[in-house]
Amino acid sequence: MILELVKQKNEGTRTDKDKNLLQKIVAGAKNCADGGLVLESTLYKFIVENTKNLYFVGHETTRVTGAWALMSLASHLEWQHKFVVIIILMRTCLEA
């Protein structure tokens, strides 16, 4: 899927007006490849791998942080009680 988007952008069939992360990676890779030292297949592999790494790193960080928070709350009953009190106070303040 990533490779298809990159190829569409290179062929001019995809016209995105906003600059996004994928476009920045493609532009950087093209600048490196302008000297002719990099094969096209290597360039595409570089783009795909870097895009996957950057997009999925944020997802994994959020998932792992949430899992550790739930495990910590499950392990410490007193933290759970404090957390519930804080949430109730916050809801009360927001509703007032």
PDB file of N, CA and C in Angstrom:
ATOM      1  N   MET A   1       0.815  -1.184   0.000  1.00  0.00           N
ATOM      2  CA  MET A   1       0.000   0.000   0.000  1.00  0.00           C
ATOM      3  C   MET A   1       0.865   1.257   0.000  1.00  0.00           C
ATOM      4  N   ILE A   2       1.887   1.285   0.824  1.00  0.00           N
ATOM      5  CA  ILE A   2       2.780   2.439   0.885  1.00  0.00           C
ATOM      6  C   ILE A   2       3.472   2.621  -0.455  1.00  0.00           C
ATOM      7  N   LEU A   3       3.945   1.517  -1.017  1.00  0.00           N
ATOM      8  CA  LEU A   3       4.647   1.577  -2.295  1.00  0.00           C
ATOM      9  C   LEU A   3       3.735   2.080  -3.408  1.00  0.00           C
ATOM     10  N   GLU A   4       2.466   1.692  -3.380  1.00  0.00           N
ATOM     11  CA  GLU A   4       1.513   2.179  -4.385  1.00  0.00           C
ATOM     12  C   GLU A   4       1.338   3.688  -4.280  1.00  0.00           C
ATOM     13  N   LEU A   5       1.239   4.213  -3.066  1.00  0.00           N
ATOM     14  CA  LEU A   5       1.110   5.655  -2.874  1.00  0.00           C
ATOM     15  C   LEU A   5       2.337   6.401  -3.383  1.00  0.00           C
ATOM     16  N   VAL A   6       3.508   5.843  -3.112  1.00  0.00           N
ATOM     17  CA  VAL A   6       4.746   6.473  -3.574  1.00  0.00           C
ATOM     18  C   VAL A   6       4.805   6.486  -5.097  1.00  0.00           C
ATOM     19  N   LYS A   7       4.461   5.362  -5.717  1.00  0.00           N
ATOM     20  CA  LYS A   7       4.491   5.294  -7.188  1.00  0.00           C
ATOM     21  C   LYS A   7       3.463   6.237  -7.810  1.00  0.00           C
ATOM     22  N   GLN A   8       2.272   6.343  -7.215  1.00  0.00           N
ATOM     23  CA  GLN A   8       1.267   7.281  -7.718  1.00  0.00           C
ATOM     24  C   GLN A   8       1.774   8.711  -7.630  1.00  0.00           C
ATOM     25  N   LYS A   9       2.439   9.019  -6.547  1.00  0.00           N
ATOM     26  CA  LYS A   9       2.974  10.370  -6.369  1.00  0.00           C
ATOM     27  C   LYS A   9       4.054  10.645  -7.407  1.00  0.00           C
ATOM     28  N   ASN A  10       4.905   9.660  -7.673  1.00  0.00           N
ATOM     29  CA  ASN A  10       5.983   9.838  -8.657  1.00  0.00           C
ATOM     30  C   ASN A  10       5.444   9.976 -10.080  1.00  0.00           C
ATOM     31  N   GLU A  11       4.347   9.257 -10.378  1.00  0.00           N
ATOM     32  CA  GLU A  11       3.763   9.319 -11.719  1.00  0.00           C
ATOM     33  C   GLU A  11       2.889  10.550 -11.911  1.00  0.00           C
ATOM     34  N   GLY A  12       2.586  11.241 -10.829  1.00  0.00           N
ATOM     35  CA  GLY A  12       1.766  12.438 -10.928  1.00  0.00           C
ATOM     36  C   GLY A  12       0.282  12.173 -10.900  1.00  0.00           C
ATOM     37  N   THR A  13      -0.133  10.931 -10.623  1.00  0.00           N
ATOM     38  CA  THR A  13      -1.567  10.626 -10.568  1.00  0.00           C
ATOM     39  C   THR A  13      -2.163  10.972  -9.209  1.00  0.00           C
ATOM     40  N   ARG A  14      -1.330  11.239  -8.252  1.00  0.00           N
ATOM     41  CA  ARG A  14      -1.801  11.605  -6.911  1.00  0.00           C
ATOM     42  C   ARG A  14      -1.359  13.035  -6.644  1.00  0.00           C
ATOM     43  N   THR A  15      -2.298  13.897  -6.369  1.00  0.00           N
ATOM     44  CA  THR A  15      -1.973  15.300  -6.117  1.00  0.00           C
ATOM     45  C   THR A  15      -2.414  15.685  -4.717  1.00  0.00           C
ATOM     46  N   ASP A  16      -1.492  15.597  -3.774  1.00  0.00           N
ATOM     47  CA  ASP A  16      -1.766  16.024  -2.404  1.00  0.00           C
ATOM     48  C   ASP A  16      -1.241  17.440  -2.234  1.00  0.00           C
ATOM     49  N   LYS A  17      -2.097  18.323  -1.787  1.00  0.00           N
ATOM     50  CA  LYS A  17      -1.684  19.708  -1.606  1.00  0.00           C
ATOM     51  C   LYS A  17      -0.940  19.893  -0.290  1.00  0.00           C
ATOM     52  N   ASP A  18      -1.279  19.099   0.704  1.00  0.00           N
ATOM     53  CA  ASP A  18      -0.628  19.218   2.004  1.00  0.00           C
ATOM     54  C   ASP A  18       0.642  18.380   2.027  1.00  0.00           C
ATOM     55  N   LYS A  19       1.642  18.890   2.727  1.00  0.00           N
ATOM     56  CA  LYS A  19       2.866  18.118   2.915  1.00  0.00           C
ATOM     57  C   LYS A  19       2.654  17.205   4.114  1.00  0.00           C
ATOM     58  N   ASN A  20       2.837  15.912   3.912  1.00  0.00           N
ATOM     59  CA  ASN A  20       2.704  14.972   5.017  1.00  0.00           C
ATOM     60  C   ASN A  20       4.016  14.225   5.206  1.00  0.00           C
ATOM     61  N   LEU A  21       4.041  13.344   6.181  1.00  0.00           N
ATOM     62  CA  LEU A  21       5.272  12.636   6.511  1.00  0.00           C
ATOM     63  C   LEU A  21       5.763  11.779   5.351  1.00  0.00           C
ATOM     64  N   LEU A  22       4.862  11.111   4.673  1.00  0.00           N
ATOM     65  CA  LEU A  22       5.262  10.274   3.540  1.00  0.00           C
ATOM     66  C   LEU A  22       5.924  11.108   2.451  1.00  0.00           C
ATOM     67  N   GLN A  23       5.364  12.270   2.153  1.00  0.00           N
ATOM     68  CA  GLN A  23       5.945  13.134   1.123  1.00  0.00           C
ATOM     69  C   GLN A  23       7.334  13.616   1.524  1.00  0.00           C
ATOM     70  N   LYS A  24       7.530  13.897   2.802  1.00  0.00           N
ATOM     71  CA  LYS A  24       8.856  14.321   3.281  1.00  0.00           C
ATOM     72  C   LYS A  24       9.878  13.192   3.126  1.00  0.00           C
ATOM     73  N   ILE A  25       9.477  11.963   3.435  1.00  0.00           N
ATOM     74  CA  ILE A  25      10.387  10.819   3.297  1.00  0.00           C
ATOM     75  C   ILE A  25      10.741  10.610   1.831  1.00  0.00           C
ATOM     76  N   VAL A  26       9.741  10.691   0.955  1.00  0.00           N
ATOM     77  CA  VAL A  26       9.983  10.514  -0.486  1.00  0.00           C
ATOM     78  C   VAL A  26      10.917  11.598  -0.999  1.00  0.00           C
ATOM     79  N   ALA A  27      10.674  12.844  -0.612  1.00  0.00           N
ATOM     80  CA  ALA A  27      11.521  13.946  -1.071  1.00  0.00           C
ATOM     81  C   ALA A  27      12.959  13.771  -0.599  1.00  0.00           C
ATOM     82  N   GLY A  28      13.130  13.359   0.656  1.00  0.00           N
ATOM     83  CA  GLY A  28      14.477  13.130   1.175  1.00  0.00           C
ATOM     84  C   GLY A  28      15.186  11.998   0.462  1.00  0.00           C
ATOM     85  N   ALA A  29      14.453  10.937   0.183  1.00  0.00           N
ATOM     86  CA  ALA A  29      15.046   9.792  -0.521  1.00  0.00           C
ATOM     87  C   ALA A  29      15.429  10.177  -1.945  1.00  0.00           C
ATOM     88  N   LYS A  30      14.580  10.978  -2.611  1.00  0.00           N
ATOM     89  CA  LYS A  30      14.884  11.422  -3.973  1.00  0.00           C
ATOM     90  C   LYS A  30      16.128  12.302  -3.998  1.00  0.00           C
ATOM     91  N   ASN A  31      16.273  13.160  -2.995  1.00  0.00           N
ATOM     92  CA  ASN A  31      17.461  14.014  -2.928  1.00  0.00           C
ATOM     93  C   ASN A  31      18.726  13.180  -2.807  1.00  0.00           C
ATOM     94  N   CYS A  32      18.667  12.097  -2.056  1.00  0.00           N
ATOM     95  CA  CYS A  32      19.823  11.214  -1.903  1.00  0.00           C
ATOM     96  C   CYS A  32      20.092  10.431  -3.183  1.00  0.00           C
ATOM     97  N   ALA A  33      19.038  10.128  -3.928  1.00  0.00           N
ATOM     98  CA  ALA A  33      19.173   9.301  -5.124  1.00  0.00           C
ATOM     99  C   ALA A  33      19.539  10.108  -6.365  1.00  0.00           C
ATOM    100  N   ASP A  34      19.505  11.429  -6.283  1.00  0.00           N
ATOM    101  CA  ASP A  34      19.782  12.257  -7.461  1.00  0.00           C
ATOM    102  C   ASP A  34      21.188  12.052  -8.011  1.00  0.00           C
ATOM    103  N   GLY A  35      22.098  11.610  -7.187  1.00  0.00           N
ATOM    104  CA  GLY A  35      23.459  11.369  -7.663  1.00  0.00           C
ATOM    105  C   GLY A  35      23.585  10.111  -8.501  1.00  0.00           C
ATOM    106  N   GLY A  36      22.545   9.300  -8.565  1.00  0.00           N
ATOM    107  CA  GLY A  36      22.549   8.085  -9.372  1.00  0.00           C
ATOM    108  C   GLY A  36      23.239   6.909  -8.706  1.00  0.00           C
ATOM    109  N   LEU A  37      23.563   7.032  -7.444  1.00  0.00           N
ATOM    110  CA  LEU A  37      24.269   5.958  -6.752  1.00  0.00           C
ATOM    111  C   LEU A  37      23.327   4.917  -6.149  1.00  0.00           C
ATOM    112  N   VAL A  38      22.037   5.210  -6.137  1.00  0.00           N
ATOM    113  CA  VAL A  38      21.067   4.323  -5.498  1.00  0.00           C
ATOM    114  C   VAL A  38      20.136   3.742  -6.556  1.00  0.00           C
ATOM    115  N   LEU A  39      19.921   2.425  -6.494  1.00  0.00           N
ATOM    116  CA  LEU A  39      18.978   1.775  -7.403  1.00  0.00           C
ATOM    117  C   LEU A  39      17.553   2.120  -7.018  1.00  0.00           C
ATOM    118  N   GLU A  40      16.643   2.084  -7.991  1.00  0.00           N
ATOM    119  CA  GLU A  40      15.244   2.425  -7.729  1.00  0.00           C
ATOM    120  C   GLU A  40      14.619   1.468  -6.717  1.00  0.00           C
ATOM    121  N   SER A  41      14.938   0.172  -6.819  1.00  0.00           N
ATOM    122  CA  SER A  41      14.377  -0.802  -5.878  1.00  0.00           C
ATOM    123  C   SER A  41      14.865  -0.532  -4.452  1.00  0.00           C
ATOM    124  N   THR A  42      16.109  -0.136  -4.315  1.00  0.00           N
ATOM    125  CA  THR A  42      16.657   0.200  -3.006  1.00  0.00           C
ATOM    126  C   THR A  42      15.988   1.445  -2.451  1.00  0.00           C
ATOM    127  N   LEU A  43      15.727   2.393  -3.328  1.00  0.00           N
ATOM    128  CA  LEU A  43      15.057   3.630  -2.932  1.00  0.00           C
ATOM    129  C   LEU A  43      13.657   3.335  -2.399  1.00  0.00           C
ATOM    130  N   TYR A  44      12.900   2.510  -3.118  1.00  0.00           N
ATOM    131  CA  TYR A  44      11.546   2.165  -2.683  1.00  0.00           C
ATOM    132  C   TYR A  44      11.573   1.389  -1.367  1.00  0.00           C
ATOM    133  N   LYS A  45      12.526   0.490  -1.228  1.00  0.00           N
ATOM    134  CA  LYS A  45      12.639  -0.277   0.011  1.00  0.00           C
ATOM    135  C   LYS A  45      12.938   0.656   1.180  1.00  0.00           C
ATOM    136  N   PHE A  46      13.827   1.625   0.969  1.00  0.00           N
ATOM    137  CA  PHE A  46      14.155   2.607   1.996  1.00  0.00           C
ATOM    138  C   PHE A  46      12.911   3.401   2.419  1.00  0.00           C
ATOM    139  N   ILE A  47      12.143   3.845   1.435  1.00  0.00           N
ATOM    140  CA  ILE A  47      10.936   4.632   1.713  1.00  0.00           C
ATOM    141  C   ILE A  47       9.916   3.810   2.494  1.00  0.00           C
ATOM    142  N   VAL A  48       9.665   2.592   2.041  1.00  0.00           N
ATOM    143  CA  VAL A  48       8.666   1.739   2.695  1.00  0.00           C
ATOM    144  C   VAL A  48       9.084   1.408   4.127  1.00  0.00           C
ATOM    145  N   GLU A  49      10.328   1.020   4.327  1.00  0.00           N
ATOM    146  CA  GLU A  49      10.784   0.636   5.668  1.00  0.00           C
ATOM    147  C   GLU A  49      10.756   1.814   6.633  1.00  0.00           C
ATOM    148  N   ASN A  50      11.199   2.974   6.197  1.00  0.00           N
ATOM    149  CA  ASN A  50      11.186   4.143   7.078  1.00  0.00           C
ATOM    150  C   ASN A  50       9.772   4.588   7.397  1.00  0.00           C
ATOM    151  N   THR A  51       8.887   4.520   6.420  1.00  0.00           N
ATOM    152  CA  THR A  51       7.497   4.900   6.660  1.00  0.00           C
ATOM    153  C   THR A  51       6.852   3.961   7.669  1.00  0.00           C
ATOM    154  N   LYS A  52       7.059   2.661   7.500  1.00  0.00           N
ATOM    155  CA  LYS A  52       6.496   1.695   8.448  1.00  0.00           C
ATOM    156  C   LYS A  52       7.024   1.949   9.857  1.00  0.00           C
ATOM    157  N   ASN A  53       8.336   2.152   9.956  1.00  0.00           N
ATOM    158  CA  ASN A  53       8.926   2.393  11.272  1.00  0.00           C
ATOM    159  C   ASN A  53       8.336   3.622  11.945  1.00  0.00           C
ATOM    160  N   LEU A  54       8.249   4.713  11.228  1.00  0.00           N
ATOM    161  CA  LEU A  54       7.764   5.957  11.836  1.00  0.00           C
ATOM    162  C   LEU A  54       6.283   5.917  12.171  1.00  0.00           C
ATOM    163  N   TYR A  55       5.474   5.356  11.305  1.00  0.00           N
ATOM    164  CA  TYR A  55       4.037   5.320  11.566  1.00  0.00           C
ATOM    165  C   TYR A  55       3.667   4.324  12.662  1.00  0.00           C
ATOM    166  N   PHE A  56       4.332   3.190  12.705  1.00  0.00           N
ATOM    167  CA  PHE A  56       3.952   2.158  13.656  1.00  0.00           C
ATOM    168  C   PHE A  56       4.587   2.340  15.023  1.00  0.00           C
ATOM    169  N   VAL A  57       5.660   3.103  15.116  1.00  0.00           N
ATOM    170  CA  VAL A  57       6.300   3.344  16.412  1.00  0.00           C
ATOM    171  C   VAL A  57       5.322   4.050  17.349  1.00  0.00           C
ATOM    172  N   GLY A  58       4.620   5.046  16.866  1.00  0.00           N
ATOM    173  CA  GLY A  58       3.653   5.754  17.701  1.00  0.00           C
ATOM    174  C   GLY A  58       2.541   4.852  18.192  1.00  0.00           C
ATOM    175  N   HIS A  59       2.090   3.956  17.340  1.00  0.00           N
ATOM    176  CA  HIS A  59       1.023   3.022  17.716  1.00  0.00           C
ATOM    177  C   HIS A  59       1.493   2.087  18.824  1.00  0.00           C
ATOM    178  N   GLU A  60       2.664   1.534  18.679  1.00  0.00           N
ATOM    179  CA  GLU A  60       3.182   0.599  19.680  1.00  0.00           C
ATOM    180  C   GLU A  60       3.426   1.293  21.015  1.00  0.00           C
ATOM    181  N   THR A  61       3.941   2.511  20.981  1.00  0.00           N
ATOM    182  CA  THR A  61       4.216   3.247  22.218  1.00  0.00           C
ATOM    183  C   THR A  61       2.928   3.446  23.007  1.00  0.00           C
ATOM    184  N   THR A  62       1.866   3.836  22.322  1.00  0.00           N
ATOM    185  CA  THR A  62       0.585   4.058  22.982  1.00  0.00           C
ATOM    186  C   THR A  62       0.036   2.761  23.564  1.00  0.00           C
ATOM    187  N   ARG A  63       0.119   1.691  22.806  1.00  0.00           N
ATOM    188  CA  ARG A  63      -0.404   0.402  23.263  1.00  0.00           C
ATOM    189  C   ARG A  63       0.354  -0.093  24.488  1.00  0.00           C
ATOM    190  N   VAL A  64       1.673  -0.022  24.452  1.00  0.00           N
ATOM    191  CA  VAL A  64       2.483  -0.518  25.563  1.00  0.00           C
ATOM    192  C   VAL A  64       2.256   0.337  26.814  1.00  0.00           C
ATOM    193  N   THR A  65       2.170   1.652  26.638  1.00  0.00           N
ATOM    194  CA  THR A  65       1.919   2.532  27.785  1.00  0.00           C
ATOM    195  C   THR A  65       0.572   2.227  28.422  1.00  0.00           C
ATOM    196  N   GLY A  66      -0.448   2.026  27.613  1.00  0.00           N
ATOM    197  CA  GLY A  66      -1.770   1.675  28.142  1.00  0.00           C
ATOM    198  C   GLY A  66      -1.754   0.352  28.873  1.00  0.00           C
ATOM    199  N   ALA A  67      -1.046  -0.621  28.321  1.00  0.00           N
ATOM    200  CA  ALA A  67      -0.971  -1.945  28.960  1.00  0.00           C
ATOM    201  C   ALA A  67      -0.268  -1.857  30.312  1.00  0.00           C
ATOM    202  N   TRP A  68       0.841  -1.097  30.373  1.00  0.00           N
ATOM    203  CA  TRP A  68       1.554  -0.948  31.646  1.00  0.00           C
ATOM    204  C   TRP A  68       0.718  -0.194  32.669  1.00  0.00           C
ATOM    205  N   ALA A  69      -0.039   0.805  32.226  1.00  0.00           N
ATOM    206  CA  ALA A  69      -0.903   1.538  33.150  1.00  0.00           C
ATOM    207  C   ALA A  69      -1.960   0.614  33.744  1.00  0.00           C
ATOM    208  N   LEU A  70      -2.579  -0.215  32.905  1.00  0.00           N
ATOM    209  CA  LEU A  70      -3.586  -1.153  33.406  1.00  0.00           C
ATOM    210  C   LEU A  70      -2.976  -2.197  34.340  1.00  0.00           C
ATOM    211  N   MET A  71      -1.789  -2.678  34.000  1.00  0.00           N
ATOM    212  CA  MET A  71      -1.124  -3.654  34.874  1.00  0.00           C
ATOM    213  C   MET A  71      -0.771  -3.037  36.221  1.00  0.00           C
ATOM    214  N   SER A  72      -0.306  -1.785  36.207  1.00  0.00           N
ATOM    215  CA  SER A  72       0.041  -1.108  37.457  1.00  0.00           C
ATOM    216  C   SER A  72      -1.190  -0.897  38.321  1.00  0.00           C
ATOM    217  N   LEU A  73      -2.285  -0.480  37.691  1.00  0.00           N
ATOM    218  CA  LEU A  73      -3.529  -0.297  38.447  1.00  0.00           C
ATOM    219  C   LEU A  73      -4.034  -1.623  39.008  1.00  0.00           C
ATOM    220  N   ALA A  74      -3.900  -2.686  38.218  1.00  0.00           N
ATOM    221  CA  ALA A  74      -4.349  -4.004  38.684  1.00  0.00           C
ATOM    222  C   ALA A  74      -3.500  -4.506  39.855  1.00  0.00           C
ATOM    223  N   SER A  75      -2.237  -4.132  39.878  1.00  0.00           N
ATOM    224  CA  SER A  75      -1.323  -4.592  40.925  1.00  0.00           C
ATOM    225  C   SER A  75      -1.440  -3.796  42.222  1.00  0.00           C
ATOM    226  N   HIS A  76      -1.940  -2.564  42.146  1.00  0.00           N
ATOM    227  CA  HIS A  76      -1.983  -1.676  43.314  1.00  0.00           C
ATOM    228  C   HIS A  76      -3.414  -1.199  43.544  1.00  0.00           C
ATOM    229  N   LEU A  77      -4.088  -1.862  44.461  1.00  0.00           N
ATOM    230  CA  LEU A  77      -5.486  -1.554  44.751  1.00  0.00           C
ATOM    231  C   LEU A  77      -5.663  -0.123  45.258  1.00  0.00           C
ATOM    232  N   GLU A  78      -4.686   0.355  46.056  1.00  0.00           N
ATOM    233  CA  GLU A  78      -4.799   1.721  46.581  1.00  0.00           C
ATOM    234  C   GLU A  78      -4.711   2.762  45.452  1.00  0.00           C
ATOM    235  N   TRP A  79      -3.947   2.479  44.404  1.00  0.00           N
ATOM    236  CA  TRP A  79      -3.881   3.386  43.241  1.00  0.00           C
ATOM    237  C   TRP A  79      -5.233   3.417  42.537  1.00  0.00           C
ATOM    238  N   GLN A  80      -5.871   2.254  42.443  1.00  0.00           N
ATOM    239  CA  GLN A  80      -7.187   2.201  41.805  1.00  0.00           C
ATOM    240  C   GLN A  80      -8.186   3.099  42.529  1.00  0.00           C
ATOM    241  N   HIS A  81      -8.182   3.034  43.856  1.00  0.00           N
ATOM    242  CA  HIS A  81      -9.109   3.854  44.631  1.00  0.00           C
ATOM    243  C   HIS A  81      -8.833   5.345  44.427  1.00  0.00           C
ATOM    244  N   LYS A  82      -7.558   5.731  44.456  1.00  0.00           N
ATOM    245  CA  LYS A  82      -7.200   7.137  44.231  1.00  0.00           C
ATOM    246  C   LYS A  82      -7.618   7.582  42.825  1.00  0.00           C
ATOM    247  N   PHE A  83      -7.404   6.716  41.866  1.00  0.00           N
ATOM    248  CA  PHE A  83      -7.749   7.019  40.485  1.00  0.00           C
ATOM    249  C   PHE A  83      -9.255   7.241  40.328  1.00  0.00           C
ATOM    250  N   VAL A  84     -10.047   6.375  40.957  1.00  0.00           N
ATOM    251  CA  VAL A  84     -11.506   6.505  40.897  1.00  0.00           C
ATOM    252  C   VAL A  84     -11.947   7.818  41.534  1.00  0.00           C
ATOM    253  N   VAL A  85     -11.370   8.168  42.677  1.00  0.00           N
ATOM    254  CA  VAL A  85     -11.706   9.429  43.347  1.00  0.00           C
ATOM    255  C   VAL A  85     -11.376  10.617  42.447  1.00  0.00           C
ATOM    256  N   ILE A  86     -10.226  10.598  41.813  1.00  0.00           N
ATOM    257  CA  ILE A  86      -9.823  11.691  40.919  1.00  0.00           C
ATOM    258  C   ILE A  86     -10.796  11.822  39.757  1.00  0.00           C
ATOM    259  N   ILE A  87     -11.173  10.701  39.158  1.00  0.00           N
ATOM    260  CA  ILE A  87     -12.109  10.732  38.025  1.00  0.00           C
ATOM    261  C   ILE A  87     -13.466  11.282  38.456  1.00  0.00           C
ATOM    262  N   ILE A  88     -13.944  10.860  39.619  1.00  0.00           N
ATOM    263  CA  ILE A  88     -15.233  11.351  40.117  1.00  0.00           C
ATOM    264  C   ILE A  88     -15.157  12.862  40.364  1.00  0.00           C
ATOM    265  N   LEU A  89     -14.066  13.325  40.954  1.00  0.00           N
ATOM    266  CA  LEU A  89     -13.906  14.767  41.200  1.00  0.00           C
ATOM    267  C   LEU A  89     -13.847  15.553  39.889  1.00  0.00           C
ATOM    268  N   MET A  90     -13.152  15.014  38.918  1.00  0.00           N
ATOM    269  CA  MET A  90     -13.037  15.698  37.619  1.00  0.00           C
ATOM    270  C   MET A  90     -14.415  15.786  36.952  1.00  0.00           C
ATOM    271  N   ARG A  91     -15.166  14.689  36.972  1.00  0.00           N
ATOM    272  CA  ARG A  91     -16.516  14.699  36.374  1.00  0.00           C
ATOM    273  C   ARG A  91     -17.424  15.696  37.078  1.00  0.00           C
ATOM    274  N   THR A  92     -17.312  15.756  38.407  1.00  0.00           N
ATOM    275  CA  THR A  92     -18.133  16.683  39.183  1.00  0.00           C
ATOM    276  C   THR A  92     -17.798  18.124  38.824  1.00  0.00           C
ATOM    277  N   CYS A  93     -16.512  18.432  38.686  1.00  0.00           N
ATOM    278  CA  CYS A  93     -16.094  19.792  38.331  1.00  0.00           C
ATOM    279  C   CYS A  93     -16.538  20.165  36.920  1.00  0.00           C
ATOM    280  N   LEU A  94     -16.470  19.215  35.994  1.00  0.00           N
ATOM    281  CA  LEU A  94     -16.849  19.489  34.602  1.00  0.00           C
ATOM    282  C   LEU A  94     -18.360  19.663  34.459  1.00  0.00           C
ATOM    283  N   GLU A  95     -19.134  18.949  35.266  1.00  0.00           N
ATOM    284  CA  GLU A  95     -20.585  19.028  35.180  1.00  0.00           C
ATOM    285  C   GLU A  95     -21.132  20.275  35.868  1.00  0.00           C
ATOM    286  N   ALA A  96     -20.346  20.863  36.767  1.00  0.00           N
ATOM    287  CA  ALA A  96     -20.822  22.043  37.517  1.00  0.00           C
ATOM    288  C   ALA A  96     -20.782  23.307  36.690  1.00  0.00           C
TER     289      ALA A  96
END
